[in-house]
Amino acid sequence: MRSEKDFSRRGFLAGSVAAVSALAGEEGIAFDEVTKMKGKKRKVGLQLYSVREDCGKDLEGTLAKVAKMGYMGVEFAGYYGRSAKEMRKLLEANGLVCCGTHTGLDTLLGDTLKATIEYNKTIGNKYLIVPSLPGKYRGSHEAWQETAKLFNELAAKVKPYGMRVGYHNHSVEFKPIDGKLPWDTFMKNTDKAVIMQLDTGNACHGGADPFPFLYRYPERAITVHLKEFSKTNNKALLGEGDLNWKAFFALCEAVGGTDWYIVEHETYAYPPLECVERCLRNLQKMKLV
């Protein structure tokens, strides 16, 4: 089997699919057949933070438009004052699945955890993803080790409800502390049950190649964030930047254990709803969904 360095040096940013093709080939699997063998369609959702202003003005209409575009699910970053029952009805009315929630760490601690679990049970969500951390949880190597222990405890608490906790990276996790990457410190010290929600664009902005982390932590990328990165155009849509999406999807399926591919777009060359529709259309043009 090829080493991690083979994938890191040849894979994601360079635009080569040779490494992933080689991985598939060693198992006797053609590169384009990975998904077909699983017998299921790739599930693509939208992180609603991408269209947060639209949601704030007209949540019902925005969800309807997102569903009409062809997104299968949505990941929440706030509930816009709706109760769990109201949100469940909105999802069902539009044929959408909740593929995750970005929920603050404080909603998973102490007495608030019970309410968080109940809300997410009602809306049918099993992925509780923390989108960022206050400074005290990430300010040192030791802090990251303690944070990892905390996530292990949370994972054990939500497991009886069929749920999992996870963490979503920004760029800070790829800036070394005492010579070590916080992302590695966190991932190496968390149980396999803790989801690695790898945000591709954020990792690149942190100076990292996202590609080898999928290989380094197999079966941990249960949900991933598809975010473009371009050295020359900070408003590039999916498929218009530097990232090798075919290689990324193939590795997600070969070793990542990915269940949901979630589009997140935060820099706008067009109105937000148009941007996220263009992102989906570009994925379709690349025959990735």
C-alpha atoms as a PDB file:
ATOM      1  CA  MET A   1       0.000   0.000   0.000  1.00  0.00           C
ATOM      2  CA  ARG A   2       1.251   3.492  -0.786  1.00  0.00           C
ATOM      3  CA  SER A   3       2.388   5.767   2.008  1.00  0.00           C
ATOM      4  CA  GLU A   4       0.654   8.951   3.104  1.00  0.00           C
ATOM      5  CA  LYS A   5       3.446  11.001   1.513  1.00  0.00           C
ATOM      6  CA  ASP A   6       2.569   9.587  -1.910  1.00  0.00           C
ATOM      7  CA  PHE A   7      -0.894  11.060  -1.607  1.00  0.00           C
ATOM      8  CA  SER A   8       0.181  14.327   0.000  1.00  0.00           C
ATOM      9  CA  ARG A   9       2.791  15.150  -2.634  1.00  0.00           C
ATOM     10  CA  ARG A  10       0.786  14.121  -5.663  1.00  0.00           C
ATOM     11  CA  GLY A  11      -2.813  14.586  -4.777  1.00  0.00           C
ATOM     12  CA  PHE A  12      -5.114  17.408  -4.037  1.00  0.00           C
ATOM     13  CA  LEU A  13      -3.688  20.804  -4.877  1.00  0.00           C
ATOM     14  CA  ALA A  14      -1.530  19.571  -7.738  1.00  0.00           C
ATOM     15  CA  GLY A  15      -4.604  18.536  -9.681  1.00  0.00           C
ATOM     16  CA  SER A  16      -3.486  14.946 -10.190  1.00  0.00           C
ATOM     17  CA  VAL A  17      -5.756  11.962  -9.611  1.00  0.00           C
ATOM     18  CA  ALA A  18      -2.923   9.490 -10.123  1.00  0.00           C
ATOM     19  CA  ALA A  19      -2.495   8.716  -6.427  1.00  0.00           C
ATOM     20  CA  VAL A  20      -6.160   7.957  -5.842  1.00  0.00           C
ATOM     21  CA  SER A  21      -6.380   5.974  -9.062  1.00  0.00           C
ATOM     22  CA  ALA A  22      -3.417   3.954  -7.840  1.00  0.00           C
ATOM     23  CA  LEU A  23      -5.142   3.305  -4.519  1.00  0.00           C
ATOM     24  CA  ALA A  24      -8.229   2.050  -6.309  1.00  0.00           C
ATOM     25  CA  GLY A  25      -6.134   0.063  -8.760  1.00  0.00           C
ATOM     26  CA  GLU A  26      -4.308  -1.788  -6.025  1.00  0.00           C
ATOM     27  CA  GLU A  27      -7.651  -3.071  -4.839  1.00  0.00           C
ATOM     28  CA  GLY A  28      -8.745  -3.938  -8.363  1.00  0.00           C
ATOM     29  CA  ILE A  29     -11.234  -1.068  -8.478  1.00  0.00           C
ATOM     30  CA  ALA A  30     -11.454   1.379 -11.374  1.00  0.00           C
ATOM     31  CA  PHE A  31     -11.379   5.016 -10.254  1.00  0.00           C
ATOM     32  CA  ASP A  32     -14.818   5.836 -11.668  1.00  0.00           C
ATOM     33  CA  GLU A  33     -16.402   2.730 -10.172  1.00  0.00           C
ATOM     34  CA  VAL A  34     -15.920   3.512  -6.486  1.00  0.00           C
ATOM     35  CA  THR A  35     -19.377   4.980  -5.977  1.00  0.00           C
ATOM     36  CA  LYS A  36     -21.121   2.537  -8.295  1.00  0.00           C
ATOM     37  CA  MET A  37     -19.880  -0.360  -6.179  1.00  0.00           C
ATOM     38  CA  LYS A  38     -21.572   1.128  -3.142  1.00  0.00           C
ATOM     39  CA  GLY A  39     -24.836   1.199  -5.031  1.00  0.00           C
ATOM     40  CA  LYS A  40     -25.928   4.560  -3.739  1.00  0.00           C
ATOM     41  CA  LYS A  41     -26.107   8.117  -4.936  1.00  0.00           C
ATOM     42  CA  ARG A  42     -23.748  10.609  -3.355  1.00  0.00           C
ATOM     43  CA  LYS A  43     -25.603  12.695  -0.823  1.00  0.00           C
ATOM     44  CA  VAL A  44     -25.008  16.428  -1.236  1.00  0.00           C
ATOM     45  CA  GLY A  45     -26.243  18.972   1.273  1.00  0.00           C
ATOM     46  CA  LEU A  46     -25.923  22.706   1.779  1.00  0.00           C
ATOM     47  CA  GLN A  47     -24.606  24.477   4.865  1.00  0.00           C
ATOM     48  CA  LEU A  48     -27.261  27.129   5.313  1.00  0.00           C
ATOM     49  CA  TYR A  49     -24.701  29.625   6.615  1.00  0.00           C
ATOM     50  CA  SER A  50     -23.970  30.082   2.911  1.00  0.00           C
ATOM     51  CA  VAL A  51     -27.396  31.714   2.482  1.00  0.00           C
ATOM     52  CA  ARG A  52     -27.877  33.009   6.011  1.00  0.00           C
ATOM     53  CA  GLU A  53     -29.288  36.393   5.029  1.00  0.00           C
ATOM     54  CA  ASP A  54     -31.874  34.738   2.782  1.00  0.00           C
ATOM     55  CA  CYS A  55     -32.796  32.374   5.606  1.00  0.00           C
ATOM     56  CA  GLY A  56     -33.173  35.297   7.985  1.00  0.00           C
ATOM     57  CA  LYS A  57     -35.572  37.068   5.635  1.00  0.00           C
ATOM     58  CA  ASP A  58     -37.552  34.057   4.397  1.00  0.00           C
ATOM     59  CA  LEU A  59     -36.574  30.660   5.759  1.00  0.00           C
ATOM     60  CA  GLU A  60     -39.537  28.864   4.201  1.00  0.00           C
ATOM     61  CA  GLY A  61     -38.881  30.278   0.749  1.00  0.00           C
ATOM     62  CA  THR A  62     -35.143  29.698   0.964  1.00  0.00           C
ATOM     63  CA  LEU A  63     -35.519  26.034   1.888  1.00  0.00           C
ATOM     64  CA  ALA A  64     -37.930  25.594  -1.005  1.00  0.00           C
ATOM     65  CA  LYS A  65     -35.414  27.129  -3.423  1.00  0.00           C
ATOM     66  CA  VAL A  66     -32.557  25.001  -2.066  1.00  0.00           C
ATOM     67  CA  ALA A  67     -34.623  21.848  -2.503  1.00  0.00           C
ATOM     68  CA  LYS A  68     -35.630  22.851  -6.024  1.00  0.00           C
ATOM     69  CA  MET A  69     -31.952  23.272  -6.947  1.00  0.00           C
ATOM     70  CA  GLY A  70     -31.439  19.604  -6.189  1.00  0.00           C
ATOM     71  CA  TYR A  71     -29.793  19.627  -2.762  1.00  0.00           C
ATOM     72  CA  MET A  72     -30.800  16.564  -0.793  1.00  0.00           C
ATOM     73  CA  GLY A  73     -30.136  17.924   2.673  1.00  0.00           C
ATOM     74  CA  VAL A  74     -29.270  20.981   4.709  1.00  0.00           C
ATOM     75  CA  GLU A  75     -26.923  21.585   7.602  1.00  0.00           C
ATOM     76  CA  PHE A  76     -28.166  24.199  10.033  1.00  0.00           C
ATOM     77  CA  ALA A  77     -26.174  27.047  11.593  1.00  0.00           C
ATOM     78  CA  GLY A  78     -29.030  28.384  13.699  1.00  0.00           C
ATOM     79  CA  TYR A  79     -32.780  27.790  13.675  1.00  0.00           C
ATOM     80  CA  TYR A  80     -34.160  31.285  13.055  1.00  0.00           C
ATOM     81  CA  GLY A  81     -36.546  31.109  15.985  1.00  0.00           C
ATOM     82  CA  ARG A  82     -38.317  27.947  14.797  1.00  0.00           C
ATOM     83  CA  SER A  83     -39.213  25.163  17.168  1.00  0.00           C
ATOM     84  CA  ALA A  84     -38.036  21.667  16.408  1.00  0.00           C
ATOM     85  CA  LYS A  85     -41.529  20.616  15.306  1.00  0.00           C
ATOM     86  CA  GLU A  86     -41.813  23.629  13.003  1.00  0.00           C
ATOM     87  CA  MET A  87     -38.426  22.880  11.493  1.00  0.00           C
ATOM     88  CA  ARG A  88     -39.290  19.226  10.991  1.00  0.00           C
ATOM     89  CA  LYS A  89     -42.413  20.230   9.066  1.00  0.00           C
ATOM     90  CA  LEU A  90     -40.390  22.589   6.856  1.00  0.00           C
ATOM     91  CA  LEU A  91     -37.893  19.857   6.046  1.00  0.00           C
ATOM     92  CA  GLU A  92     -40.585  17.321   5.247  1.00  0.00           C
ATOM     93  CA  ALA A  93     -42.552  19.800   3.134  1.00  0.00           C
ATOM     94  CA  ASN A  94     -39.497  20.310   0.925  1.00  0.00           C
ATOM     95  CA  GLY A  95     -38.253  16.731   0.864  1.00  0.00           C
ATOM     96  CA  LEU A  96     -35.052  17.701   2.650  1.00  0.00           C
ATOM     97  CA  VAL A  97     -33.000  15.806   5.209  1.00  0.00           C
ATOM     98  CA  CYS A  98     -31.096  17.432   8.044  1.00  0.00           C
ATOM     99  CA  CYS A  99     -27.511  16.337   7.355  1.00  0.00           C
ATOM    100  CA  GLY A 100     -26.071  18.058  10.409  1.00  0.00           C
ATOM    101  CA  THR A 101     -26.178  21.051  12.682  1.00  0.00           C
ATOM    102  CA  HIS A 102     -23.423  23.494  13.537  1.00  0.00           C
ATOM    103  CA  THR A 103     -23.992  23.904  17.230  1.00  0.00           C
ATOM    104  CA  GLY A 104     -21.887  25.844  19.702  1.00  0.00           C
ATOM    105  CA  LEU A 105     -19.873  23.885  22.225  1.00  0.00           C
ATOM    106  CA  ASP A 106     -21.919  25.484  24.996  1.00  0.00           C
ATOM    107  CA  THR A 107     -25.047  23.724  23.684  1.00  0.00           C
ATOM    108  CA  LEU A 108     -23.380  20.369  24.347  1.00  0.00           C
ATOM    109  CA  LEU A 109     -22.265  21.081  27.903  1.00  0.00           C
ATOM    110  CA  GLY A 110     -24.072  20.590  31.201  1.00  0.00           C
ATOM    111  CA  ASP A 111     -27.831  20.882  31.359  1.00  0.00           C
ATOM    112  CA  THR A 112     -28.125  22.297  27.819  1.00  0.00           C
ATOM    113  CA  LEU A 113     -27.104  18.990  26.225  1.00  0.00           C
ATOM    114  CA  LYS A 114     -30.488  17.387  26.909  1.00  0.00           C
ATOM    115  CA  ALA A 115     -32.366  20.147  25.060  1.00  0.00           C
ATOM    116  CA  THR A 116     -29.913  19.965  22.160  1.00  0.00           C
ATOM    117  CA  ILE A 117     -30.420  16.223  21.856  1.00  0.00           C
ATOM    118  CA  GLU A 118     -34.208  16.583  21.951  1.00  0.00           C
ATOM    119  CA  TYR A 119     -34.241  19.279  19.267  1.00  0.00           C
ATOM    120  CA  ASN A 120     -32.047  17.238  16.957  1.00  0.00           C
ATOM    121  CA  LYS A 121     -34.008  14.042  17.548  1.00  0.00           C
ATOM    122  CA  THR A 122     -37.119  15.867  16.410  1.00  0.00           C
ATOM    123  CA  ILE A 123     -35.562  17.208  13.215  1.00  0.00           C
ATOM    124  CA  GLY A 124     -33.975  13.840  12.455  1.00  0.00           C
ATOM    125  CA  ASN A 125     -30.350  14.897  12.804  1.00  0.00           C
ATOM    126  CA  LYS A 126     -27.598  12.627  14.092  1.00  0.00           C
ATOM    127  CA  TYR A 127     -24.519  14.796  13.455  1.00  0.00           C
ATOM    128  CA  LEU A 128     -23.758  17.473  16.056  1.00  0.00           C
ATOM    129  CA  ILE A 129     -20.839  19.489  14.720  1.00  0.00           C
ATOM    130  CA  VAL A 130     -19.023  22.188  16.679  1.00  0.00           C
ATOM    131  CA  PRO A 131     -18.051  24.912  14.176  1.00  0.00           C
ATOM    132  CA  SER A 132     -15.378  26.696  16.228  1.00  0.00           C
ATOM    133  CA  LEU A 133     -13.908  26.897  19.710  1.00  0.00           C
ATOM    134  CA  PRO A 134     -13.341  29.685  22.239  1.00  0.00           C
ATOM    135  CA  GLY A 135      -9.680  30.503  22.812  1.00  0.00           C
ATOM    136  CA  LYS A 136      -9.302  28.609  26.079  1.00  0.00           C
ATOM    137  CA  TYR A 137     -10.001  25.340  24.269  1.00  0.00           C
ATOM    138  CA  ARG A 138      -7.372  25.872  21.560  1.00  0.00           C
ATOM    139  CA  GLY A 139      -4.712  28.243  22.903  1.00  0.00           C
ATOM    140  CA  SER A 140      -2.004  25.666  23.533  1.00  0.00           C
ATOM    141  CA  HIS A 141      -0.985  22.108  22.764  1.00  0.00           C
ATOM    142  CA  GLU A 142      -2.217  21.054  26.194  1.00  0.00           C
ATOM    143  CA  ALA A 143      -5.534  22.830  25.632  1.00  0.00           C
ATOM    144  CA  TRP A 144      -6.099  20.842  22.444  1.00  0.00           C
ATOM    145  CA  GLN A 145      -5.364  17.616  24.319  1.00  0.00           C
ATOM    146  CA  GLU A 146      -7.949  18.510  26.959  1.00  0.00           C
ATOM    147  CA  THR A 147     -10.440  19.502  24.260  1.00  0.00           C
ATOM    148  CA  ALA A 148      -9.990  16.100  22.662  1.00  0.00           C
ATOM    149  CA  LYS A 149     -10.832  14.443  25.981  1.00  0.00           C
ATOM    150  CA  LEU A 150     -13.943  16.607  26.269  1.00  0.00           C
ATOM    151  CA  PHE A 151     -15.123  15.558  22.798  1.00  0.00           C
ATOM    152  CA  ASN A 152     -14.595  11.906  23.718  1.00  0.00           C
ATOM    153  CA  GLU A 153     -16.848  12.421  26.733  1.00  0.00           C
ATOM    154  CA  LEU A 154     -19.488  14.152  24.608  1.00  0.00           C
ATOM    155  CA  ALA A 155     -19.344  11.383  22.001  1.00  0.00           C
ATOM    156  CA  ALA A 156     -20.087   8.828  24.701  1.00  0.00           C
ATOM    157  CA  LYS A 157     -23.021  10.882  26.024  1.00  0.00           C
ATOM    158  CA  VAL A 158     -24.786  11.234  22.665  1.00  0.00           C
ATOM    159  CA  LYS A 159     -24.093   7.705  21.427  1.00  0.00           C
ATOM    160  CA  PRO A 160     -27.155   6.178  23.149  1.00  0.00           C
ATOM    161  CA  TYR A 161     -29.318   8.537  21.060  1.00  0.00           C
ATOM    162  CA  GLY A 162     -27.790   7.414  17.766  1.00  0.00           C
ATOM    163  CA  MET A 163     -25.883  10.677  17.432  1.00  0.00           C
ATOM    164  CA  ARG A 164     -22.263  11.669  16.935  1.00  0.00           C
ATOM    165  CA  VAL A 165     -20.330  14.808  17.734  1.00  0.00           C
ATOM    166  CA  GLY A 166     -17.709  16.331  15.480  1.00  0.00           C
ATOM    167  CA  TYR A 167     -15.522  19.334  14.884  1.00  0.00           C
ATOM    168  CA  HIS A 168     -15.268  21.620  11.855  1.00  0.00           C
ATOM    169  CA  ASN A 169     -11.928  23.229  11.103  1.00  0.00           C
ATOM    170  CA  HIS A 170     -11.085  26.790  10.208  1.00  0.00           C
ATOM    171  CA  SER A 171      -7.490  27.775   9.424  1.00  0.00           C
ATOM    172  CA  VAL A 172      -6.091  28.033  12.949  1.00  0.00           C
ATOM    173  CA  GLU A 173      -5.966  24.249  13.356  1.00  0.00           C
ATOM    174  CA  PHE A 174      -3.239  24.093  10.711  1.00  0.00           C
ATOM    175  CA  LYS A 175      -0.927  26.645  12.337  1.00  0.00           C
ATOM    176  CA  PRO A 176       1.674  24.741  14.409  1.00  0.00           C
ATOM    177  CA  ILE A 177       1.790  25.094  18.184  1.00  0.00           C
ATOM    178  CA  ASP A 178       5.053  23.893  19.713  1.00  0.00           C
ATOM    179  CA  GLY A 179       5.871  22.305  16.374  1.00  0.00           C
ATOM    180  CA  LYS A 180       2.653  20.289  16.191  1.00  0.00           C
ATOM    181  CA  LEU A 181      -0.517  20.866  14.191  1.00  0.00           C
ATOM    182  CA  PRO A 182      -3.544  21.350  16.454  1.00  0.00           C
ATOM    183  CA  TRP A 183      -5.618  19.343  13.955  1.00  0.00           C
ATOM    184  CA  ASP A 184      -3.360  16.331  14.436  1.00  0.00           C
ATOM    185  CA  THR A 185      -3.325  16.771  18.197  1.00  0.00           C
ATOM    186  CA  PHE A 186      -7.108  16.826  18.270  1.00  0.00           C
ATOM    187  CA  MET A 187      -7.640  13.946  15.864  1.00  0.00           C
ATOM    188  CA  LYS A 188      -4.995  11.661  17.382  1.00  0.00           C
ATOM    189  CA  ASN A 189      -6.477  12.094  20.841  1.00  0.00           C
ATOM    190  CA  THR A 190     -10.152  11.668  19.954  1.00  0.00           C
ATOM    191  CA  ASP A 191     -12.002   8.414  19.580  1.00  0.00           C
ATOM    192  CA  LYS A 192     -12.993   7.224  16.134  1.00  0.00           C
ATOM    193  CA  ALA A 193     -16.577   8.147  16.987  1.00  0.00           C
ATOM    194  CA  VAL A 194     -15.700  11.868  16.829  1.00  0.00           C
ATOM    195  CA  ILE A 195     -16.327  13.186  13.319  1.00  0.00           C
ATOM    196  CA  MET A 196     -13.588  14.988  11.422  1.00  0.00           C
ATOM    197  CA  GLN A 197     -15.591  17.529   9.438  1.00  0.00           C
ATOM    198  CA  LEU A 198     -12.835  18.609   7.090  1.00  0.00           C
ATOM    199  CA  ASP A 199     -13.445  21.996   5.469  1.00  0.00           C
ATOM    200  CA  THR A 200     -11.267  21.986   2.365  1.00  0.00           C
ATOM    201  CA  GLY A 201     -11.080  25.715   1.753  1.00  0.00           C
ATOM    202  CA  ASN A 202     -10.380  26.581   5.376  1.00  0.00           C
ATOM    203  CA  ALA A 203      -7.577  24.027   5.527  1.00  0.00           C
ATOM    204  CA  CYS A 204      -5.993  25.512   2.421  1.00  0.00           C
ATOM    205  CA  HIS A 205      -6.204  29.006   3.890  1.00  0.00           C
ATOM    206  CA  GLY A 206      -4.333  27.602   6.884  1.00  0.00           C
ATOM    207  CA  GLY A 207      -1.533  26.530   4.549  1.00  0.00           C
ATOM    208  CA  ALA A 208      -2.409  22.830   4.568  1.00  0.00           C
ATOM    209  CA  ASP A 209      -3.174  20.333   1.831  1.00  0.00           C
ATOM    210  CA  PRO A 210      -6.459  18.710   2.975  1.00  0.00           C
ATOM    211  CA  PHE A 211      -5.789  15.576   0.961  1.00  0.00           C
ATOM    212  CA  PRO A 212      -3.570  13.559   3.347  1.00  0.00           C
ATOM    213  CA  PHE A 213      -5.792  14.091   6.385  1.00  0.00           C
ATOM    214  CA  LEU A 214      -8.460  11.852   4.878  1.00  0.00           C
ATOM    215  CA  TYR A 215      -5.836   9.175   4.460  1.00  0.00           C
ATOM    216  CA  ARG A 216      -4.305   9.782   7.896  1.00  0.00           C
ATOM    217  CA  TYR A 217      -7.617   9.465   9.756  1.00  0.00           C
ATOM    218  CA  PRO A 218      -9.646   6.828   7.882  1.00  0.00           C
ATOM    219  CA  GLU A 219     -13.396   6.495   8.425  1.00  0.00           C
ATOM    220  CA  ARG A 220     -13.493   9.813  10.311  1.00  0.00           C
ATOM    221  CA  ALA A 221     -14.711  12.178   7.536  1.00  0.00           C
ATOM    222  CA  ILE A 222     -18.368  11.253   7.922  1.00  0.00           C
ATOM    223  CA  THR A 223     -19.418  14.693   6.724  1.00  0.00           C
ATOM    224  CA  VAL A 224     -17.133  17.051   4.801  1.00  0.00           C
ATOM    225  CA  HIS A 225     -17.371  20.665   3.694  1.00  0.00           C
ATOM    226  CA  LEU A 226     -16.835  21.317   0.010  1.00  0.00           C
ATOM    227  CA  LYS A 227     -15.315  24.785  -0.155  1.00  0.00           C
ATOM    228  CA  GLU A 228     -13.238  25.997  -3.079  1.00  0.00           C
ATOM    229  CA  PHE A 229      -9.770  27.525  -2.766  1.00  0.00           C
ATOM    230  CA  SER A 230      -8.028  29.634  -5.358  1.00  0.00           C
ATOM    231  CA  LYS A 231      -4.744  31.505  -5.090  1.00  0.00           C
ATOM    232  CA  THR A 232      -5.948  34.087  -7.615  1.00  0.00           C
ATOM    233  CA  ASN A 233      -9.725  34.380  -7.093  1.00  0.00           C
ATOM    234  CA  ASN A 234     -11.171  34.456  -3.585  1.00  0.00           C
ATOM    235  CA  LYS A 235     -14.693  34.283  -5.014  1.00  0.00           C
ATOM    236  CA  ALA A 236     -14.131  31.116  -7.018  1.00  0.00           C
ATOM    237  CA  LEU A 237     -17.041  28.687  -7.035  1.00  0.00           C
ATOM    238  CA  LEU A 238     -16.650  24.939  -6.674  1.00  0.00           C
ATOM    239  CA  GLY A 239     -14.769  23.618  -9.677  1.00  0.00           C
ATOM    240  CA  GLU A 240     -13.293  27.008 -10.569  1.00  0.00           C
ATOM    241  CA  GLY A 241     -10.291  26.995  -8.246  1.00  0.00           C
ATOM    242  CA  ASP A 242      -7.190  24.967  -7.473  1.00  0.00           C
ATOM    243  CA  LEU A 243      -8.717  21.918  -5.816  1.00  0.00           C
ATOM    244  CA  ASN A 244      -8.871  18.480  -7.377  1.00  0.00           C
ATOM    245  CA  TRP A 245     -12.432  17.478  -6.607  1.00  0.00           C
ATOM    246  CA  LYS A 246     -12.366  14.113  -8.375  1.00  0.00           C
ATOM    247  CA  ALA A 247      -9.444  13.042  -6.211  1.00  0.00           C
ATOM    248  CA  PHE A 248     -11.131  14.348  -3.091  1.00  0.00           C
ATOM    249  CA  PHE A 249     -14.415  12.513  -3.703  1.00  0.00           C
ATOM    250  CA  ALA A 250     -12.595   9.315  -4.570  1.00  0.00           C
ATOM    251  CA  LEU A 251     -10.530   9.365  -1.398  1.00  0.00           C
ATOM    252  CA  CYS A 252     -13.567  10.253   0.726  1.00  0.00           C
ATOM    253  CA  GLU A 253     -15.167   7.067  -0.541  1.00  0.00           C
ATOM    254  CA  ALA A 254     -12.055   4.904  -0.551  1.00  0.00           C
ATOM    255  CA  VAL A 255     -10.963   5.654   3.018  1.00  0.00           C
ATOM    256  CA  GLY A 256     -12.923   8.590   4.460  1.00  0.00           C
ATOM    257  CA  GLY A 257     -16.199   6.838   5.211  1.00  0.00           C
ATOM    258  CA  THR A 258     -18.038   9.928   4.007  1.00  0.00           C
ATOM    259  CA  ASP A 259     -21.824   9.983   4.306  1.00  0.00           C
ATOM    260  CA  TRP A 260     -22.592  13.601   3.311  1.00  0.00           C
ATOM    261  CA  TYR A 261     -20.828  16.097   1.061  1.00  0.00           C
ATOM    262  CA  ILE A 262     -21.848  19.555   2.251  1.00  0.00           C
ATOM    263  CA  VAL A 263     -21.372  22.648   0.098  1.00  0.00           C
ATOM    264  CA  GLU A 264     -20.364  25.816   1.923  1.00  0.00           C
ATOM    265  CA  HIS A 265     -19.717  29.054   0.075  1.00  0.00           C
ATOM    266  CA  GLU A 266     -18.946  32.322   1.841  1.00  0.00           C
ATOM    267  CA  THR A 267     -17.458  34.680  -0.777  1.00  0.00           C
ATOM    268  CA  TYR A 268     -19.921  35.887  -3.371  1.00  0.00           C
ATOM    269  CA  ALA A 269     -19.433  36.805  -7.002  1.00  0.00           C
ATOM    270  CA  TYR A 270     -23.224  36.512  -7.383  1.00  0.00           C
ATOM    271  CA  PRO A 271     -26.156  36.603  -4.969  1.00  0.00           C
ATOM    272  CA  PRO A 272     -25.734  33.813  -2.374  1.00  0.00           C
ATOM    273  CA  LEU A 273     -28.546  31.602  -3.690  1.00  0.00           C
ATOM    274  CA  GLU A 274     -27.162  31.852  -7.207  1.00  0.00           C
ATOM    275  CA  CYS A 275     -23.689  30.990  -5.941  1.00  0.00           C
ATOM    276  CA  VAL A 276     -24.779  27.801  -4.207  1.00  0.00           C
ATOM    277  CA  GLU A 277     -26.804  26.738  -7.242  1.00  0.00           C
ATOM    278  CA  ARG A 278     -23.793  27.313  -9.491  1.00  0.00           C
ATOM    279  CA  CYS A 279     -21.678  25.245  -7.095  1.00  0.00           C
ATOM    280  CA  LEU A 280     -24.101  22.336  -7.376  1.00  0.00           C
ATOM    281  CA  ARG A 281     -24.278  22.639 -11.160  1.00  0.00           C
ATOM    282  CA  ASN A 282     -20.479  22.577 -11.354  1.00  0.00           C
ATOM    283  CA  LEU A 283     -20.393  19.371  -9.312  1.00  0.00           C
ATOM    284  CA  GLN A 284     -22.893  17.906 -11.746  1.00  0.00           C
ATOM    285  CA  LYS A 285     -20.784  19.022 -14.730  1.00  0.00           C
ATOM    286  CA  MET A 286     -17.812  17.228 -13.167  1.00  0.00           C
ATOM    287  CA  LYS A 287     -20.079  14.172 -12.830  1.00  0.00           C
ATOM    288  CA  LEU A 288     -19.449  14.013  -9.113  1.00  0.00           C
ATOM    289  CA  VAL A 289     -23.145  14.053  -8.168  1.00  0.00           C
END
